[in-house]
Amino acid sequence: MRIRVLAGIAALAVVGACAHGSTRSDTVSDEVLARVPPNQMGGVNQARLDVAKAKDTLARENLANEKAKRYIDVANNEVSIAKAQIDRNESAQKAADYARNDPAATQSQSAMGLARQREQVANSHVNAAQELAKYTAARVGAAQKAVDLANARLEQAEFKAVQASGDRAVNDIDGQAIARHVEDARVALEQERAKVSQTKASASAARSSWIALRDQLPADQRFGVGGSGSDTAANLSGKEGTNKTPANRENYDIDTKNTDPNKGPMSNNPALYDDKELFNLL
């Protein structure tokens, strides 16, 4: 009987331990954080600044995406103008044929060829604008992942501050879960960086095609006068140190690749990420 009682107590202890473990939080409450001495809040304060910067970047990328969407409207309007010109030329050609006016018929045929060429250019412009919008949308997605990473790092900084302060409340916080959130956020950001690289290549190619077609038109017939990555994050761990800047800080840049040695070199040359030319679509 005594053995059975002891076994029962042990079982209850295990269940109680599991129940206690299941209630551990993966966030740090404001109440607990408020007990951390101000002189131990340096890491938290820096993490808060990183979150603010990441959110500013997200706001800028959203504005760029809205600008790209407006280019689609402009390009679609050019298609409508070109189609209307084709309709007028067709009417003029039919009238000239009916009147047996050979000079007028020849002139309308020439105008028709030019109008169809303008339509082709306008359609190419639409494609370039759409590819630009896809690229800017990918940048928005990456910027959001950077915000997610910054928030995860902030939670981790808060946990470490509570831990360093010696507060017993740290036992109720799941530090491992917080670390996993950070790792997952790093991997997610790298996946979005790959999309940014791929869509930028497509946007650049589409713009080049549009420019080539546009420049075949006579200058006075042009609508506008404005002048790949295969990486995935499948084998990334997201562990500490895999997403660092040269200054050994967390890298929130949505263009610069992470520093995982298995993924090749990174670049901090801003000239490689200058999108001014891509936005020259008017």
Protein backbone atom coordinates (compact mmCIF):
# COMPACT_ATOMS: atom_id res chain seq x y z
CA MET A 1 0.00 0.00 0.00
CA ARG A 2 2.82 2.41 0.90
CA ILE A 3 4.41 1.86 -2.52
CA ARG A 4 1.12 2.68 -4.23
CA VAL A 5 0.73 5.90 -2.24
CA LEU A 6 4.26 7.04 -3.10
CA ALA A 7 3.69 6.24 -6.75
CA GLY A 8 0.50 8.27 -6.69
CA ILE A 9 2.27 11.25 -5.12
CA ALA A 10 5.04 11.03 -7.71
CA ALA A 11 2.50 10.97 -10.53
CA LEU A 12 0.77 14.03 -9.13
CA ALA A 13 4.12 15.79 -8.87
CA VAL A 14 4.84 15.08 -12.55
CA VAL A 15 1.41 16.31 -13.59
CA GLY A 16 1.87 19.40 -11.47
CA ALA A 17 5.26 20.08 -13.01
CA CYS A 18 3.82 19.69 -16.51
CA ALA A 19 0.94 21.97 -15.66
CA HIS A 20 3.35 24.54 -14.30
CA GLY A 21 5.50 24.29 -17.45
CA SER A 22 2.52 24.75 -19.70
CA THR A 23 1.67 28.07 -18.03
CA ARG A 24 5.04 29.66 -18.69
CA SER A 25 4.63 32.71 -20.88
CA ASP A 26 6.58 33.53 -24.03
CA THR A 27 6.21 37.24 -23.35
CA VAL A 28 7.44 39.57 -20.61
CA SER A 29 4.68 41.48 -18.86
CA ASP A 30 4.95 45.23 -18.32
CA GLU A 31 4.62 44.63 -14.58
CA VAL A 32 7.66 42.36 -14.48
CA LEU A 33 9.70 44.59 -16.78
CA ALA A 34 8.94 47.62 -14.61
CA ARG A 35 10.92 45.99 -11.77
CA VAL A 36 14.13 45.93 -13.81
CA PRO A 37 16.51 48.71 -12.65
CA PRO A 38 16.93 51.53 -15.22
CA ASN A 39 20.67 50.92 -15.44
CA GLN A 40 19.97 47.40 -16.74
CA MET A 41 17.57 48.51 -19.49
CA GLY A 42 20.20 49.40 -22.12
CA GLY A 43 19.52 46.39 -24.30
CA VAL A 44 15.78 46.90 -24.10
CA ASN A 45 16.05 50.58 -25.03
CA GLN A 46 18.20 49.75 -28.06
CA ALA A 47 15.75 47.05 -29.12
CA ARG A 48 12.91 49.57 -28.90
CA LEU A 49 14.83 51.92 -31.20
CA ASP A 50 15.32 49.06 -33.65
CA VAL A 51 11.57 48.41 -33.68
CA ALA A 52 10.87 52.08 -34.37
CA LYS A 53 13.37 52.15 -37.24
CA ALA A 54 11.94 48.97 -38.75
CA LYS A 55 8.44 50.46 -38.61
CA ASP A 56 9.68 53.65 -40.31
CA THR A 57 11.14 51.53 -43.11
CA LEU A 58 7.84 49.67 -43.46
CA ALA A 59 5.98 52.98 -43.80
CA ARG A 60 8.38 54.15 -46.54
CA GLU A 61 8.03 50.88 -48.43
CA ASN A 62 4.24 51.15 -48.29
CA LEU A 63 4.43 54.63 -49.81
CA ALA A 64 6.69 53.33 -52.60
CA ASN A 65 4.22 50.53 -53.28
CA GLU A 66 1.36 53.01 -53.61
CA LYS A 67 3.46 55.07 -56.02
CA ALA A 68 4.12 51.97 -58.15
CA LYS A 69 0.39 51.20 -58.26
CA ARG A 70 -0.28 54.69 -59.63
CA TYR A 71 2.16 53.97 -62.47
CA ILE A 72 -0.10 51.09 -63.51
CA ASP A 73 -3.00 53.54 -63.87
CA VAL A 74 -0.85 55.86 -65.99
CA ALA A 75 0.25 53.02 -68.26
CA ASN A 76 -3.30 51.68 -68.63
CA ASN A 77 -4.39 55.15 -69.69
CA GLU A 78 -1.73 55.10 -72.40
CA VAL A 79 -3.20 51.83 -73.71
CA SER A 80 -6.65 53.43 -73.84
CA ILE A 81 -5.27 56.42 -75.74
CA ALA A 82 -3.49 54.16 -78.23
CA LYS A 83 -6.61 52.06 -78.82
CA ALA A 84 -8.69 55.20 -79.41
CA GLN A 85 -6.13 56.40 -81.95
CA ILE A 86 -6.31 53.04 -83.74
CA ASP A 87 -10.11 53.33 -83.91
CA ARG A 88 -9.84 56.83 -85.42
CA ASN A 89 -7.30 55.68 -87.96
CA GLU A 90 -9.46 52.73 -88.97
CA SER A 91 -12.41 55.07 -89.53
CA ALA A 92 -10.22 57.44 -91.57
CA GLN A 93 -8.89 54.57 -93.67
CA LYS A 94 -12.39 53.26 -94.41
CA ALA A 95 -13.48 56.75 -95.42
CA ALA A 96 -10.45 57.14 -97.71
CA ASP A 97 -11.05 53.73 -99.28
CA TYR A 98 -14.73 54.56 -99.86
CA ALA A 99 -13.79 57.89 -101.47
CA ARG A 100 -11.02 56.20 -103.45
CA ASN A 101 -8.65 58.79 -102.11
CA ASP A 102 -5.32 57.03 -102.51
CA PRO A 103 -3.14 59.69 -100.80
CA ALA A 104 -5.48 59.76 -97.81
CA ALA A 105 -5.57 55.96 -97.69
CA THR A 106 -1.77 55.81 -97.73
CA GLN A 107 -1.56 58.40 -94.97
CA SER A 108 -4.11 56.58 -92.77
CA GLN A 109 -2.28 53.27 -93.26
CA SER A 110 0.95 54.89 -92.09
CA ALA A 111 -0.81 56.41 -89.10
CA MET A 112 -2.36 53.03 -88.33
CA GLY A 113 1.06 51.36 -88.20
CA LEU A 114 2.33 54.04 -85.86
CA ALA A 115 -0.75 53.75 -83.63
CA ARG A 116 -0.34 49.99 -83.33
CA GLN A 117 3.31 50.49 -82.45
CA ARG A 118 2.28 52.95 -79.73
CA GLU A 119 -0.20 50.39 -78.42
CA GLN A 120 2.57 47.81 -78.20
CA VAL A 121 4.73 50.26 -76.27
CA ALA A 122 1.84 51.11 -73.95
CA ASN A 123 1.20 47.43 -73.21
CA SER A 124 4.88 46.99 -72.44
CA HIS A 125 4.65 49.98 -70.13
CA VAL A 126 1.76 48.33 -68.29
CA ASN A 127 3.84 45.20 -67.82
CA ALA A 128 6.79 47.22 -66.51
CA ALA A 129 4.53 49.04 -64.06
CA GLN A 130 2.98 45.78 -62.87
CA GLU A 131 6.39 44.21 -62.32
CA LEU A 132 7.47 47.29 -60.39
CA ALA A 133 4.37 46.96 -58.21
CA LYS A 134 5.23 43.30 -57.54
CA TYR A 135 8.73 44.35 -56.54
CA THR A 136 7.56 47.09 -54.21
CA ALA A 137 4.99 44.71 -52.71
CA ALA A 138 7.82 42.24 -52.04
CA ARG A 139 9.72 45.03 -50.29
CA VAL A 140 6.68 45.71 -48.12
CA GLY A 141 6.55 42.03 -47.21
CA ALA A 142 10.23 42.00 -46.31
CA ALA A 143 9.91 45.20 -44.31
CA GLN A 144 7.07 43.64 -42.32
CA LYS A 145 9.26 40.61 -41.57
CA ALA A 146 11.97 42.99 -40.38
CA VAL A 147 9.44 44.53 -38.00
CA ASP A 148 8.51 41.05 -36.80
CA LEU A 149 12.19 40.26 -36.17
CA ALA A 150 12.71 43.54 -34.32
CA ASN A 151 9.70 42.83 -32.11
CA ALA A 152 10.95 39.31 -31.39
CA ARG A 153 14.38 40.68 -30.51
CA LEU A 154 12.73 43.24 -28.21
CA GLU A 155 10.93 40.45 -26.36
CA GLN A 156 14.23 38.61 -26.03
CA ALA A 157 15.98 41.73 -24.75
CA GLU A 158 13.26 42.16 -22.13
CA PHE A 159 13.62 38.54 -21.04
CA LYS A 160 17.40 38.90 -20.72
CA ALA A 161 16.97 42.10 -18.70
CA VAL A 162 14.61 40.36 -16.26
CA GLN A 163 16.98 37.40 -16.09
CA ALA A 164 19.97 39.61 -15.35
CA SER A 165 18.07 41.48 -12.64
CA GLY A 166 17.61 38.27 -10.65
CA ASP A 167 13.84 38.60 -10.56
CA ARG A 168 12.29 35.22 -9.69
CA ALA A 169 9.52 35.95 -12.21
CA VAL A 170 11.97 34.81 -14.88
CA ASN A 171 11.04 31.24 -13.92
CA ASP A 172 7.56 31.88 -15.28
CA ILE A 173 8.88 33.02 -18.67
CA ASP A 174 9.77 30.56 -21.44
CA GLY A 175 13.11 31.88 -22.65
CA GLN A 176 13.54 29.02 -25.11
CA ALA A 177 10.22 29.81 -26.79
CA ILE A 178 11.26 33.46 -27.10
CA ALA A 179 14.57 32.40 -28.67
CA ARG A 180 12.70 30.22 -31.17
CA HIS A 181 10.51 33.18 -32.14
CA VAL A 182 13.66 35.17 -32.92
CA GLU A 183 15.16 32.35 -34.98
CA ASP A 184 11.94 31.86 -36.93
CA ALA A 185 11.75 35.59 -37.60
CA ARG A 186 15.31 35.62 -38.97
CA VAL A 187 14.53 32.80 -41.37
CA ALA A 188 11.28 34.46 -42.48
CA LEU A 189 13.12 37.72 -43.23
CA GLU A 190 15.71 35.91 -45.33
CA GLN A 191 12.98 34.22 -47.33
CA GLU A 192 11.44 37.61 -48.08
CA ARG A 193 14.85 39.01 -49.05
CA ALA A 194 15.04 36.30 -51.73
CA LYS A 195 11.66 37.44 -53.09
CA VAL A 196 12.89 41.04 -53.16
CA SER A 197 15.92 40.00 -55.21
CA GLN A 198 13.83 37.97 -57.65
CA THR A 199 11.13 40.59 -58.20
CA LYS A 200 13.68 43.35 -58.62
CA ALA A 201 15.33 41.39 -61.44
CA SER A 202 11.94 40.96 -63.12
CA ALA A 203 11.08 44.65 -62.70
CA SER A 204 14.42 45.70 -64.17
CA ALA A 205 14.01 43.37 -67.17
CA ALA A 206 10.46 44.61 -67.81
CA ARG A 207 11.56 48.23 -67.68
CA SER A 208 14.41 47.55 -70.11
CA SER A 209 11.98 45.93 -72.56
CA TRP A 210 9.63 48.91 -72.34
CA ILE A 211 12.47 51.39 -72.89
CA ALA A 212 13.71 49.43 -75.93
CA LEU A 213 10.27 49.49 -77.55
CA ARG A 214 9.57 53.08 -76.61
CA ASP A 215 12.84 54.28 -78.10
CA GLN A 216 11.88 52.79 -81.46
CA LEU A 217 9.09 55.36 -81.71
CA PRO A 218 9.73 58.85 -83.06
CA ALA A 219 10.48 61.14 -80.14
CA ASP A 220 7.29 63.15 -80.61
CA GLN A 221 5.16 59.97 -80.49
CA ARG A 222 6.36 58.64 -77.15
CA PHE A 223 4.04 58.66 -74.16
CA GLY A 224 6.83 58.88 -71.57
CA VAL A 225 10.05 60.82 -71.61
CA GLY A 226 11.67 59.34 -68.53
CA GLY A 227 14.79 58.53 -69.43
CA SER A 228 17.87 37.00 -59.62
CA GLY A 229 18.05 35.52 -56.73
CA SER A 230 17.45 31.80 -56.09
CA ASP A 231 18.34 31.77 -52.40
CA THR A 232 15.90 30.17 -50.02
CA ALA A 233 15.96 29.95 -46.26
CA ALA A 234 15.33 26.23 -46.20
CA ASN A 235 18.75 25.46 -44.72
CA LEU A 236 18.96 28.46 -42.41
CA SER A 237 18.81 27.92 -38.69
CA GLY A 238 18.09 31.50 -37.68
CA LYS A 239 20.48 30.97 -34.78
CA GLU A 240 22.24 33.84 -33.06
CA GLY A 241 24.97 35.27 -35.29
CA THR A 242 23.45 34.27 -38.64
CA ASN A 243 21.98 37.72 -39.34
CA LYS A 244 24.60 40.24 -38.27
CA THR A 245 25.84 43.53 -39.67
CA PRO A 246 29.59 44.24 -39.89
CA ALA A 247 29.14 46.10 -36.59
CA ASN A 248 27.97 42.79 -35.08
CA ARG A 249 24.38 43.93 -34.59
CA GLU A 250 21.14 42.35 -35.79
CA ASN A 251 20.61 43.07 -39.48
CA TYR A 252 17.15 44.48 -40.28
CA ASP A 253 18.02 45.63 -43.81
CA ILE A 254 15.64 44.05 -46.33
CA ASP A 255 18.19 44.08 -49.17
CA THR A 256 21.39 42.92 -47.52
CA LYS A 257 21.64 39.17 -47.21
CA ASN A 258 22.37 37.59 -43.87
CA THR A 259 25.86 36.54 -42.83
CA ASP A 260 25.29 32.81 -42.60
CA PRO A 261 28.60 31.39 -43.95
CA ASN A 262 26.65 28.81 -45.95
CA LYS A 263 24.82 31.51 -47.93
CA GLY A 264 27.76 33.36 -49.42
CA PRO A 265 28.97 36.95 -48.99
CA MET A 266 26.79 39.92 -48.14
CA SER A 267 27.00 43.39 -49.62
CA ASN A 268 26.59 46.75 -47.94
CA ASN A 269 27.05 48.77 -51.11
CA PRO A 270 23.95 51.01 -51.31
CA ALA A 271 24.56 51.55 -55.04
CA LEU A 272 23.48 47.96 -55.60
CA TYR A 273 20.05 48.74 -54.23
CA ASP A 274 19.37 52.13 -55.83
CA ASP A 275 15.86 51.98 -57.27
CA LYS A 276 15.70 55.49 -58.72
CA GLU A 277 16.03 54.15 -62.26
CA LEU A 278 13.34 51.54 -61.72
CA PHE A 279 10.89 54.23 -60.65
CA ASN A 280 11.60 56.26 -63.77
CA LEU A 281 8.46 54.99 -65.48
CA LEU A 282 6.85 58.26 -66.56
